[in-house]
Protein backbone atom coordinates (compact mmCIF):
# COMPACT_ATOMS: atom_id res chain seq x y z
CA PRO A 1 -20.45 25.81 -1.23
CA LYS A 2 -22.65 26.82 1.88
CA PRO A 3 -20.73 25.12 4.63
CA LEU A 4 -17.72 27.41 3.51
CA VAL A 5 -19.78 30.53 3.31
CA GLU A 6 -21.22 29.87 6.62
CA LEU A 7 -17.68 29.35 7.96
CA HIS A 8 -16.37 32.57 6.58
CA VAL A 9 -19.41 34.48 7.76
CA LYS A 10 -18.99 32.77 11.45
CA LEU A 11 -15.67 33.79 11.35
CA LEU A 12 -16.04 37.51 10.37
CA ARG A 13 -18.97 37.86 12.75
CA LYS A 14 -16.62 36.57 15.60
CA LEU A 15 -14.48 39.38 14.71
CA GLY A 16 -17.30 41.68 15.41
CA ARG A 17 -18.47 42.64 11.64
CA SER A 18 -22.02 42.77 10.94
CA VAL A 19 -21.95 40.28 8.04
CA THR A 20 -25.18 38.99 6.10
CA THR A 21 -24.75 35.92 3.97
CA ASP A 22 -25.49 37.65 0.85
CA ARG A 23 -23.08 40.15 0.98
CA TRP A 24 -20.32 38.20 2.97
CA GLU A 25 -17.91 38.78 -0.10
CA LYS A 26 -17.93 42.28 -0.14
CA TYR A 27 -17.17 42.34 3.88
CA LEU A 28 -14.57 39.86 3.12
CA ALA A 29 -13.22 42.07 0.62
CA LYS A 30 -13.18 45.16 3.49
CA VAL A 31 -11.10 42.76 5.75
CA CYS A 32 -8.67 41.65 2.79
CA GLN A 33 -7.96 45.20 1.59
CA GLU A 34 -6.66 46.16 5.37
CA LEU A 35 -4.25 43.24 4.74
CA ASN A 36 -3.66 42.28 1.56
CA SER A 37 -4.65 44.49 -1.54
CA THR A 38 -4.04 41.63 -3.89
CA TRP A 39 -6.59 39.19 -2.20
CA ALA A 40 -8.83 42.21 -2.04
CA TRP A 41 -8.49 42.71 -5.83
CA GLU A 42 -8.76 38.89 -6.60
CA LEU A 43 -12.03 38.71 -4.62
CA GLU A 44 -13.50 42.04 -6.20
CA GLN A 45 -12.32 41.00 -9.48
CA LYS A 46 -13.10 37.30 -9.67
CA GLY A 47 -15.58 36.61 -6.96
CA TYR A 48 -14.51 34.15 -4.42
CA GLN A 49 -15.16 30.75 -6.39
CA GLU A 50 -12.73 31.64 -9.13
CA MET A 51 -10.19 32.96 -6.62
CA SER A 52 -6.48 30.87 -6.44
CA MET A 53 -6.79 28.17 -3.89
CA GLU A 54 -3.71 29.88 -2.58
CA CYS A 55 -5.68 33.06 -1.81
CA LYS A 56 -8.76 31.22 -0.44
CA SER A 57 -6.50 29.19 1.83
CA CYS A 58 -4.41 32.53 2.87
CA ILE A 59 -7.50 34.32 3.40
CA LEU A 60 -9.16 31.50 5.65
CA LYS A 61 -6.12 31.22 7.62
CA TYR A 62 -6.05 34.96 8.22
CA LEU A 63 -9.50 34.97 9.56
CA CYS A 64 -8.82 31.94 11.76
CA GLU A 65 -5.50 33.66 13.53
CA CYS A 66 -7.26 36.63 13.83
CA GLN A 67 -9.88 34.91 16.58
CA PHE A 68 -6.80 34.63 18.61
CA ASP A 69 -6.56 38.34 18.80
CA ASP A 70 -9.93 39.84 18.40
CA ASN A 71 -12.56 37.22 19.33
CA LEU A 72 -12.67 38.15 23.13
CA LYS A 73 -14.72 34.80 24.05
CA PHE A 74 -12.47 32.66 21.86
CA LYS A 75 -9.21 34.01 23.42
CA MET A 76 -10.35 33.60 27.01
CA ALA A 77 -10.95 29.90 26.56
CA ILE A 78 -7.84 29.55 24.66
CA ASN A 79 -5.95 31.27 27.43
CA GLU A 80 -7.28 28.52 29.97
CA GLU A 81 -5.84 25.85 27.96
CA ASP A 82 -2.40 24.33 28.57
CA PRO A 83 -0.46 25.15 25.16
CA GLU A 84 1.74 22.08 25.05
CA LYS A 85 -1.44 20.01 25.03
CA MET A 86 -2.82 22.08 22.01
CA ARG A 87 0.22 21.25 20.00
CA LEU A 88 0.29 18.59 17.41
CA GLN A 89 3.64 16.79 17.96
CA PRO A 90 5.49 14.62 15.09
CA ILE A 91 5.01 10.99 15.65
CA GLY A 92 8.95 10.55 14.46
CA ARG A 93 11.56 10.85 12.27
CA ASP A 94 13.16 8.92 9.80
CA GLN A 95 17.05 8.07 8.94
CA GLN A 96 17.15 11.23 6.50
CA GLY A 97 15.83 13.61 9.31
CA LEU A 98 12.53 13.93 7.86
CA MET A 99 9.83 14.60 10.83
CA TYR A 100 6.39 12.89 10.10
CA TRP A 101 3.08 14.20 11.24
CA LEU A 102 0.01 12.14 11.55
CA GLN A 103 -3.53 13.29 11.03
CA LEU A 104 -6.68 11.07 11.51
CA ASP A 105 -10.18 12.26 11.92
CA PRO A 106 -13.27 10.80 13.26
CA GLU A 107 -14.15 9.41 9.95
CA GLN A 108 -10.81 7.67 9.27
CA ASN A 109 -9.40 10.00 6.94
CA ILE A 110 -5.53 9.70 7.18
CA ARG A 111 -2.97 12.38 6.30
CA LEU A 112 0.86 11.88 6.99
CA TYR A 113 3.04 14.84 6.22
CA THR A 114 6.69 15.10 6.55
CA GLU A 115 8.78 18.10 7.15
CA GLU A 116 12.56 18.71 7.12
CA GLN A 117 13.71 19.35 10.80
CA ASP A 118 15.10 22.76 10.11
CA ASP A 119 12.16 24.07 8.05
CA LEU A 120 11.62 27.69 9.52
CA ASP A 121 9.07 28.79 6.70
CA GLY A 122 7.13 25.60 6.17
CA SER A 123 8.48 25.16 2.52
CA THR A 124 9.22 21.67 3.04
CA TRP A 125 6.08 20.44 3.90
CA LYS A 126 4.89 17.57 1.94
CA CYS A 127 1.59 15.19 2.27
CA ILE A 128 2.83 11.91 1.37
CA VAL A 129 -0.37 10.09 2.40
CA ARG A 130 -3.92 10.32 1.49
CA ASN A 131 -5.41 7.12 1.40
CA ARG A 132 -4.89 3.44 2.31
CA THR A 133 -2.68 2.69 -0.57
CA ASP A 134 -0.25 5.60 0.17
CA LEU A 135 -0.06 4.56 3.57
CA ALA A 136 0.75 1.44 2.52
CA GLU A 137 3.50 2.49 0.33
CA ALA A 138 5.17 4.91 3.18
CA LEU A 139 5.09 2.16 5.58
CA GLU A 140 6.93 -0.25 3.14
CA LEU A 141 9.28 2.41 2.45
CA LEU A 142 9.94 3.00 6.18
CA LYS A 143 10.10 -0.47 6.67
CA GLY A 144 12.98 -0.90 4.07
CA GLN A 145 14.79 2.03 5.91
CA VAL A 146 14.58 -0.09 9.28
CA GLU A 147 14.90 -3.76 8.12
CA PRO A 148 18.66 -3.70 6.20
CA LYS A 149 20.02 -1.89 9.51
CA GLN A 150 18.53 -4.89 11.56
CA SER A 151 19.96 -7.27 9.55
CA GLN A 152 23.36 -5.51 10.02
CA ASP A 153 22.84 -5.34 13.80
CA GLN A 154 21.77 -8.65 14.15
CA GLU A 155 24.71 -9.97 12.40
CA GLN A 156 27.03 -7.93 14.75
CA ASN A 157 25.58 -9.21 17.43
CA GLN A 158 25.75 -12.93 16.56
CA ASP A 159 29.63 -12.59 15.71
CA LEU A 160 30.02 -10.90 19.01
CA ASP A 161 27.95 -13.20 20.91
CA ARG A 162 26.23 -16.09 19.44
CA SER A 163 23.94 -16.12 22.68
CA ALA A 164 22.82 -12.47 22.65
CA SER A 165 19.64 -11.50 21.56
CA PRO A 166 19.10 -8.54 18.99
CA THR A 167 17.87 -5.13 20.75
CA GLN A 168 16.50 -3.87 17.66
CA THR A 169 12.74 -4.19 16.87
CA GLY A 170 11.71 -7.56 15.53
CA ALA A 171 10.63 -8.66 12.19
CA GLY A 172 7.17 -7.08 11.06
CA GLU A 173 7.78 -4.16 13.05
CA TRP A 174 8.78 -0.41 12.21
CA SER A 175 9.69 2.28 14.47
CA LEU A 176 9.75 6.16 14.00
CA ASP A 177 11.37 7.38 17.26
CA HIS A 178 9.29 6.71 20.42
CA ARG A 179 6.35 4.77 18.62
CA SER A 180 6.36 1.31 17.09
CA ILE A 181 3.65 -0.30 14.88
CA THR A 182 3.35 -3.69 14.21
CA GLU A 183 2.22 -5.67 11.00
CA ARG A 184 -0.89 -6.53 13.15
CA GLU A 185 -1.49 -2.70 14.00
CA TYR A 186 -0.78 -1.77 10.51
CA ILE A 187 -3.40 -4.00 9.07
CA LYS A 188 -6.05 -2.60 11.78
CA LEU A 189 -5.13 0.76 10.63
CA LEU A 190 -5.78 0.18 7.44
CA SER A 191 -8.87 -1.83 7.50
CA SER A 192 -10.26 0.79 9.78
CA SER A 193 -9.52 3.61 7.01
CA ASN A 194 -11.85 2.21 4.57
CA ASP A 195 -12.82 4.64 1.80
């Protein structure tokens, strides 16, 4: 695909390589040879189109990471930014300790990922939401974790003091740490992420 080729060419050029679009795979193979001979071999033998998705994504990740070290213009711009503002933060945690990460792009494509809290090597990342149906299922699952606890807490509060109001979030609302989403907000999110 042409946009992918253009992206690789641009990333290689930003690293100081004089790359042409008709020979970009050869330049990419040279870069790969310095880093990982398996990637270089696969690229030379199969060509970029036939490479495994794992190799393609690792190569792209490597080219992006190199921008932080070898692209001086980019490096200077990044160093002016506040690191905390650049980091994506999890939107919350569930009762099992899974952290939830949300990505929503301008076209309303949504991704929701989970990760175990003590995941040091990134092996527990899992994309659980890719579309509206997945989102609805994930929210129902999370609501199921919250609502039984709410019922128990409400019963305990009523036993202790009949006039006390429950401190938990109300019906039709689920919470992940610091963020609550009502059913109305949930429906709005679903309607805004039309396919």
